[in-house]
N, C-alpha and C. Protein backbone atom coordinates (compact mmCIF):
# COMPACT_ATOMS: atom_id res chain seq x y z
N MET A 1 -285.28 -159.31 -49.70
CA MET A 1 -286.58 -159.67 -50.22
C MET A 1 -286.39 -160.82 -51.20
N LYS A 2 -287.05 -161.92 -50.98
CA LYS A 2 -286.95 -163.11 -51.82
C LYS A 2 -287.77 -162.93 -53.09
N GLU A 3 -287.19 -163.27 -54.20
CA GLU A 3 -287.92 -163.25 -55.46
C GLU A 3 -288.83 -164.47 -55.52
N HIS A 4 -289.98 -164.33 -56.14
CA HIS A 4 -290.95 -165.41 -56.21
C HIS A 4 -291.32 -165.72 -57.66
N ASP A 5 -290.34 -165.71 -58.57
CA ASP A 5 -290.65 -165.92 -59.98
C ASP A 5 -291.34 -167.26 -60.24
N GLU A 6 -291.03 -168.26 -59.42
CA GLU A 6 -291.66 -169.56 -59.65
C GLU A 6 -293.17 -169.51 -59.41
N GLU A 7 -293.64 -168.49 -58.70
CA GLU A 7 -295.06 -168.34 -58.42
C GLU A 7 -295.77 -167.44 -59.42
N ALA A 8 -295.05 -166.82 -60.32
CA ALA A 8 -295.65 -165.85 -61.23
C ALA A 8 -296.73 -166.50 -62.09
N LEU A 9 -297.83 -165.79 -62.26
CA LEU A 9 -298.91 -166.27 -63.11
C LEU A 9 -298.50 -166.28 -64.58
N PHE A 10 -297.59 -165.38 -64.92
CA PHE A 10 -297.08 -165.27 -66.29
C PHE A 10 -295.80 -164.46 -66.24
N PRO A 11 -294.96 -164.57 -67.27
CA PRO A 11 -293.72 -163.78 -67.30
C PRO A 11 -294.04 -162.28 -67.33
N MET A 12 -293.09 -161.50 -66.90
CA MET A 12 -293.26 -160.05 -66.95
C MET A 12 -293.40 -159.64 -68.40
N PRO A 13 -294.52 -158.96 -68.74
CA PRO A 13 -294.72 -158.57 -70.14
C PRO A 13 -293.83 -157.38 -70.53
N ALA A 14 -293.74 -157.17 -71.82
CA ALA A 14 -293.01 -156.02 -72.34
C ALA A 14 -293.68 -154.74 -71.85
N ARG A 15 -292.91 -153.67 -71.81
CA ARG A 15 -293.46 -152.39 -71.37
C ARG A 15 -294.08 -151.69 -72.57
N SER A 16 -295.20 -152.26 -73.01
CA SER A 16 -295.96 -151.67 -74.11
C SER A 16 -297.42 -151.61 -73.69
N GLU A 17 -298.13 -150.71 -74.31
CA GLU A 17 -299.55 -150.53 -73.97
C GLU A 17 -300.32 -151.83 -74.18
N GLN A 18 -300.10 -152.52 -75.29
CA GLN A 18 -300.85 -153.74 -75.59
C GLN A 18 -300.54 -154.85 -74.59
N ALA A 19 -299.26 -155.07 -74.32
CA ALA A 19 -298.86 -156.15 -73.41
C ALA A 19 -299.34 -155.89 -71.99
N LEU A 20 -299.21 -154.64 -71.54
CA LEU A 20 -299.66 -154.32 -70.19
C LEU A 20 -301.18 -154.38 -70.08
N ARG A 21 -301.89 -153.93 -71.11
CA ARG A 21 -303.35 -154.01 -71.11
C ARG A 21 -303.79 -155.47 -70.92
N ALA A 22 -303.22 -156.37 -71.70
CA ALA A 22 -303.57 -157.79 -71.60
C ALA A 22 -303.27 -158.33 -70.20
N ALA A 23 -302.14 -157.94 -69.64
CA ALA A 23 -301.78 -158.42 -68.30
C ALA A 23 -302.73 -157.88 -67.24
N VAL A 24 -303.06 -156.60 -67.32
CA VAL A 24 -303.98 -156.00 -66.35
C VAL A 24 -305.36 -156.64 -66.46
N GLU A 25 -305.83 -156.86 -67.67
CA GLU A 25 -307.13 -157.51 -67.86
C GLU A 25 -307.14 -158.90 -67.24
N ARG A 26 -306.04 -159.59 -67.36
CA ARG A 26 -305.94 -160.94 -66.78
C ARG A 26 -305.87 -160.89 -65.25
N LEU A 27 -305.16 -159.92 -64.72
CA LEU A 27 -304.98 -159.83 -63.27
C LEU A 27 -306.21 -159.31 -62.54
N ASP A 28 -306.83 -158.27 -63.10
CA ASP A 28 -307.93 -157.62 -62.37
C ASP A 28 -308.78 -156.82 -63.35
N PRO A 29 -309.88 -157.41 -63.82
CA PRO A 29 -310.73 -156.71 -64.79
C PRO A 29 -311.22 -155.34 -64.30
N THR A 30 -311.39 -155.20 -63.00
CA THR A 30 -311.81 -153.90 -62.45
C THR A 30 -310.72 -152.85 -62.69
N GLU A 31 -309.47 -153.24 -62.49
CA GLU A 31 -308.36 -152.31 -62.71
C GLU A 31 -308.18 -152.01 -64.20
N ALA A 32 -308.66 -152.90 -65.06
CA ALA A 32 -308.56 -152.66 -66.50
C ALA A 32 -309.32 -151.40 -66.89
N VAL A 33 -310.41 -151.12 -66.20
CA VAL A 33 -311.17 -149.89 -66.46
C VAL A 33 -310.31 -148.67 -66.14
N ARG A 34 -309.62 -148.71 -65.00
CA ARG A 34 -308.74 -147.61 -64.63
C ARG A 34 -307.56 -147.50 -65.60
N PHE A 35 -307.05 -148.65 -66.05
CA PHE A 35 -305.97 -148.65 -67.04
C PHE A 35 -306.40 -147.86 -68.27
N GLU A 36 -307.59 -148.15 -68.78
CA GLU A 36 -308.08 -147.46 -69.97
C GLU A 36 -308.23 -145.96 -69.73
N ARG A 37 -308.77 -145.60 -68.60
CA ARG A 37 -308.94 -144.18 -68.26
C ARG A 37 -307.57 -143.50 -68.18
N ASP A 38 -306.63 -144.15 -67.49
CA ASP A 38 -305.28 -143.58 -67.37
C ASP A 38 -304.59 -143.49 -68.74
N PHE A 39 -304.79 -144.51 -69.57
CA PHE A 39 -304.19 -144.51 -70.90
C PHE A 39 -304.67 -143.30 -71.71
N HIS A 40 -305.97 -143.09 -71.73
CA HIS A 40 -306.52 -141.98 -72.51
C HIS A 40 -306.09 -140.62 -71.96
N ALA A 41 -306.00 -140.52 -70.63
CA ALA A 41 -305.53 -139.27 -70.02
C ALA A 41 -304.07 -139.02 -70.37
N ALA A 42 -303.24 -140.06 -70.32
CA ALA A 42 -301.82 -139.91 -70.65
C ALA A 42 -301.65 -139.55 -72.12
N TRP A 43 -302.43 -140.20 -72.98
CA TRP A 43 -302.36 -139.92 -74.42
C TRP A 43 -302.73 -138.47 -74.70
N GLU A 44 -303.81 -138.02 -74.09
CA GLU A 44 -304.25 -136.64 -74.29
C GLU A 44 -303.20 -135.64 -73.80
N THR A 45 -302.65 -135.90 -72.63
CA THR A 45 -301.61 -135.02 -72.08
C THR A 45 -300.38 -135.02 -72.98
N ALA A 46 -300.01 -136.20 -73.47
CA ALA A 46 -298.85 -136.29 -74.36
C ALA A 46 -299.05 -135.46 -75.62
N LEU A 47 -300.26 -135.50 -76.18
CA LEU A 47 -300.55 -134.71 -77.37
C LEU A 47 -300.53 -133.21 -77.06
N LEU A 48 -301.15 -132.84 -75.95
CA LEU A 48 -301.21 -131.42 -75.59
C LEU A 48 -299.83 -130.85 -75.29
N GLU A 49 -299.00 -131.64 -74.65
CA GLU A 49 -297.67 -131.17 -74.26
C GLU A 49 -296.60 -131.48 -75.30
N ASP A 50 -296.98 -132.20 -76.35
CA ASP A 50 -296.02 -132.63 -77.36
C ASP A 50 -294.81 -133.29 -76.69
N SER A 51 -295.13 -134.29 -75.84
CA SER A 51 -294.11 -134.94 -75.04
C SER A 51 -294.42 -136.43 -74.92
N THR A 52 -293.36 -137.23 -74.84
CA THR A 52 -293.55 -138.66 -74.62
C THR A 52 -293.56 -139.01 -73.13
N VAL A 53 -293.24 -138.05 -72.28
CA VAL A 53 -293.14 -138.32 -70.85
C VAL A 53 -294.45 -138.86 -70.26
N PRO A 54 -295.61 -138.30 -70.58
CA PRO A 54 -296.84 -138.86 -69.98
C PRO A 54 -297.05 -140.34 -70.33
N MET A 55 -296.72 -140.74 -71.54
CA MET A 55 -296.89 -142.14 -71.92
C MET A 55 -295.82 -143.01 -71.25
N GLN A 56 -294.61 -142.51 -71.16
CA GLN A 56 -293.56 -143.27 -70.47
C GLN A 56 -293.92 -143.47 -69.00
N THR A 57 -294.46 -142.44 -68.37
CA THR A 57 -294.88 -142.53 -66.97
C THR A 57 -296.03 -143.52 -66.83
N PHE A 58 -296.98 -143.46 -67.73
CA PHE A 58 -298.11 -144.39 -67.74
C PHE A 58 -297.60 -145.84 -67.83
N LEU A 59 -296.72 -146.11 -68.78
CA LEU A 59 -296.22 -147.46 -68.97
C LEU A 59 -295.42 -147.94 -67.76
N TYR A 60 -294.64 -147.06 -67.18
CA TYR A 60 -293.87 -147.42 -65.99
C TYR A 60 -294.82 -147.77 -64.83
N ARG A 61 -295.79 -146.90 -64.59
CA ARG A 61 -296.71 -147.10 -63.47
C ARG A 61 -297.46 -148.42 -63.60
N TRP A 62 -297.97 -148.70 -64.79
CA TRP A 62 -298.72 -149.94 -64.97
C TRP A 62 -297.80 -151.15 -65.04
N GLY A 63 -296.57 -150.97 -65.45
CA GLY A 63 -295.60 -152.06 -65.37
C GLY A 63 -295.35 -152.46 -63.93
N VAL A 64 -295.24 -151.47 -63.06
CA VAL A 64 -295.06 -151.76 -61.63
C VAL A 64 -296.30 -152.47 -61.08
N PHE A 65 -297.48 -152.01 -61.47
CA PHE A 65 -298.71 -152.67 -61.04
C PHE A 65 -298.70 -154.15 -61.42
N VAL A 66 -298.37 -154.43 -62.68
CA VAL A 66 -298.34 -155.82 -63.16
C VAL A 66 -297.28 -156.61 -62.40
N ALA A 67 -296.11 -156.05 -62.22
CA ALA A 67 -295.05 -156.74 -61.50
C ALA A 67 -295.49 -157.08 -60.07
N LEU A 68 -296.18 -156.16 -59.44
CA LEU A 68 -296.66 -156.41 -58.07
C LEU A 68 -297.69 -157.53 -58.03
N HIS A 69 -298.60 -157.54 -58.97
CA HIS A 69 -299.77 -158.42 -58.86
C HIS A 69 -299.69 -159.71 -59.66
N ARG A 70 -298.66 -159.88 -60.49
CA ARG A 70 -298.56 -161.12 -61.26
C ARG A 70 -298.07 -162.28 -60.39
N ILE A 71 -297.61 -161.97 -59.21
CA ILE A 71 -297.18 -162.99 -58.25
C ILE A 71 -298.18 -162.96 -57.09
N PRO A 72 -299.05 -163.98 -57.00
CA PRO A 72 -300.13 -163.94 -56.01
C PRO A 72 -299.68 -163.69 -54.57
N SER A 73 -298.59 -164.30 -54.15
CA SER A 73 -298.14 -164.10 -52.76
C SER A 73 -297.70 -162.66 -52.53
N ARG A 74 -297.09 -162.05 -53.53
CA ARG A 74 -296.67 -160.65 -53.41
C ARG A 74 -297.89 -159.73 -53.37
N SER A 75 -298.85 -160.00 -54.23
CA SER A 75 -300.07 -159.20 -54.26
C SER A 75 -300.82 -159.30 -52.93
N ALA A 76 -300.92 -160.52 -52.41
CA ALA A 76 -301.60 -160.72 -51.12
C ALA A 76 -300.85 -160.01 -50.00
N ARG A 77 -299.54 -160.07 -50.03
CA ARG A 77 -298.74 -159.41 -48.98
C ARG A 77 -298.92 -157.90 -49.06
N LEU A 78 -298.97 -157.34 -50.25
CA LEU A 78 -299.19 -155.91 -50.40
C LEU A 78 -300.53 -155.51 -49.78
N ARG A 79 -301.57 -156.26 -50.09
CA ARG A 79 -302.89 -155.95 -49.52
C ARG A 79 -302.87 -156.04 -47.99
N GLU A 80 -302.20 -157.06 -47.49
CA GLU A 80 -302.07 -157.24 -46.04
C GLU A 80 -301.35 -156.05 -45.41
N LEU A 81 -300.27 -155.62 -46.04
CA LEU A 81 -299.50 -154.49 -45.51
C LEU A 81 -300.28 -153.19 -45.59
N GLU A 82 -301.05 -153.01 -46.66
CA GLU A 82 -301.89 -151.82 -46.77
C GLU A 82 -302.92 -151.77 -45.64
N ARG A 83 -303.50 -152.93 -45.33
CA ARG A 83 -304.45 -152.99 -44.20
C ARG A 83 -303.73 -152.69 -42.89
N ALA A 84 -302.51 -153.21 -42.75
CA ALA A 84 -301.74 -152.98 -41.52
C ALA A 84 -301.44 -151.49 -41.33
N VAL A 85 -301.11 -150.81 -42.38
CA VAL A 85 -300.86 -149.37 -42.29
C VAL A 85 -302.14 -148.65 -41.87
N GLY A 86 -303.25 -149.05 -42.49
CA GLY A 86 -304.53 -148.40 -42.21
C GLY A 86 -305.04 -148.63 -40.81
N SER A 87 -304.65 -149.74 -40.20
CA SER A 87 -305.16 -150.05 -38.86
C SER A 87 -304.07 -150.02 -37.80
N ALA A 88 -302.92 -149.48 -38.13
CA ALA A 88 -301.79 -149.45 -37.19
C ALA A 88 -302.17 -148.70 -35.91
N ALA A 89 -301.78 -149.29 -34.80
CA ALA A 89 -302.06 -148.69 -33.49
C ALA A 89 -301.01 -147.65 -33.12
N SER A 90 -299.91 -147.65 -33.86
CA SER A 90 -298.85 -146.67 -33.56
C SER A 90 -298.15 -146.26 -34.85
N LEU A 91 -297.46 -145.16 -34.76
CA LEU A 91 -296.69 -144.68 -35.89
C LEU A 91 -295.61 -145.69 -36.26
N GLU A 92 -295.01 -146.33 -35.28
CA GLU A 92 -293.96 -147.31 -35.53
C GLU A 92 -294.50 -148.52 -36.30
N GLU A 93 -295.69 -148.99 -35.95
CA GLU A 93 -296.30 -150.10 -36.70
C GLU A 93 -296.55 -149.70 -38.15
N ALA A 94 -297.05 -148.50 -38.35
CA ALA A 94 -297.31 -148.02 -39.71
C ALA A 94 -296.01 -147.91 -40.50
N ARG A 95 -294.97 -147.40 -39.85
CA ARG A 95 -293.67 -147.27 -40.53
C ARG A 95 -293.08 -148.62 -40.90
N THR A 96 -293.22 -149.60 -40.02
CA THR A 96 -292.70 -150.94 -40.30
C THR A 96 -293.39 -151.54 -41.51
N ALA A 97 -294.71 -151.46 -41.54
CA ALA A 97 -295.45 -151.97 -42.70
C ALA A 97 -295.12 -151.16 -43.95
N GLY A 98 -295.01 -149.85 -43.79
CA GLY A 98 -294.68 -148.98 -44.91
C GLY A 98 -293.32 -149.30 -45.50
N LYS A 99 -292.37 -149.64 -44.65
CA LYS A 99 -291.03 -150.01 -45.12
C LYS A 99 -291.09 -151.28 -45.98
N GLU A 100 -291.90 -152.24 -45.56
CA GLU A 100 -292.02 -153.46 -46.36
C GLU A 100 -292.73 -153.19 -47.68
N ILE A 101 -293.71 -152.29 -47.67
CA ILE A 101 -294.36 -151.88 -48.92
C ILE A 101 -293.31 -151.27 -49.86
N GLU A 102 -292.46 -150.43 -49.29
CA GLU A 102 -291.40 -149.81 -50.09
C GLU A 102 -290.51 -150.88 -50.72
N GLU A 103 -290.18 -151.92 -49.97
CA GLU A 103 -289.34 -152.99 -50.50
C GLU A 103 -290.04 -153.73 -51.64
N LEU A 104 -291.34 -154.00 -51.46
CA LEU A 104 -292.11 -154.66 -52.53
C LEU A 104 -292.12 -153.79 -53.78
N LEU A 105 -292.32 -152.49 -53.61
CA LEU A 105 -292.35 -151.58 -54.75
C LEU A 105 -290.99 -151.51 -55.45
N GLU A 106 -289.92 -151.55 -54.69
CA GLU A 106 -288.58 -151.52 -55.29
C GLU A 106 -288.34 -152.75 -56.15
N VAL A 107 -288.74 -153.92 -55.67
CA VAL A 107 -288.58 -155.15 -56.45
C VAL A 107 -289.42 -155.06 -57.72
N ALA A 108 -290.67 -154.63 -57.56
CA ALA A 108 -291.57 -154.52 -58.72
C ALA A 108 -291.04 -153.50 -59.72
N ALA A 109 -290.50 -152.40 -59.24
CA ALA A 109 -289.96 -151.37 -60.13
C ALA A 109 -288.77 -151.90 -60.92
N ARG A 110 -287.93 -152.70 -60.28
CA ARG A 110 -286.79 -153.31 -60.99
C ARG A 110 -287.30 -154.26 -62.08
N GLU A 111 -288.32 -155.05 -61.75
CA GLU A 111 -288.88 -155.97 -62.75
C GLU A 111 -289.47 -155.21 -63.91
N ALA A 112 -290.22 -154.15 -63.59
CA ALA A 112 -290.86 -153.35 -64.64
C ALA A 112 -289.81 -152.68 -65.53
N ALA A 113 -288.73 -152.22 -64.94
CA ALA A 113 -287.69 -151.53 -65.69
C ALA A 113 -286.93 -152.50 -66.60
N SER A 114 -286.87 -153.77 -66.21
CA SER A 114 -286.11 -154.73 -67.01
C SER A 114 -286.96 -155.38 -68.11
N ALA A 115 -288.24 -155.07 -68.14
CA ALA A 115 -289.13 -155.68 -69.15
C ALA A 115 -288.92 -155.06 -70.51
């Protein structure tokens, strides 16, 4: 999988609530609403469970989202592959597209983890 850093809209932000919020708002204002909802749910769960895991999971998940979508060609390819899975005429077609989605997610996860 070729890296496309030269196409990135902005550098990968730090894995913090503030940095990811700003990135999500820039990438997709509609998703910013879900970000806020997820943030409050993770915060509430963290308080109830007296655990940092819900917030760490939240930050990881949204870091992957930002990594996927901060590069327009990667974001477009993900959407294309999602449509391909949804309209696949065979299980093999769906698996092929799914495998490429997995590769995109792995690259994004590495970027998110290194932020």
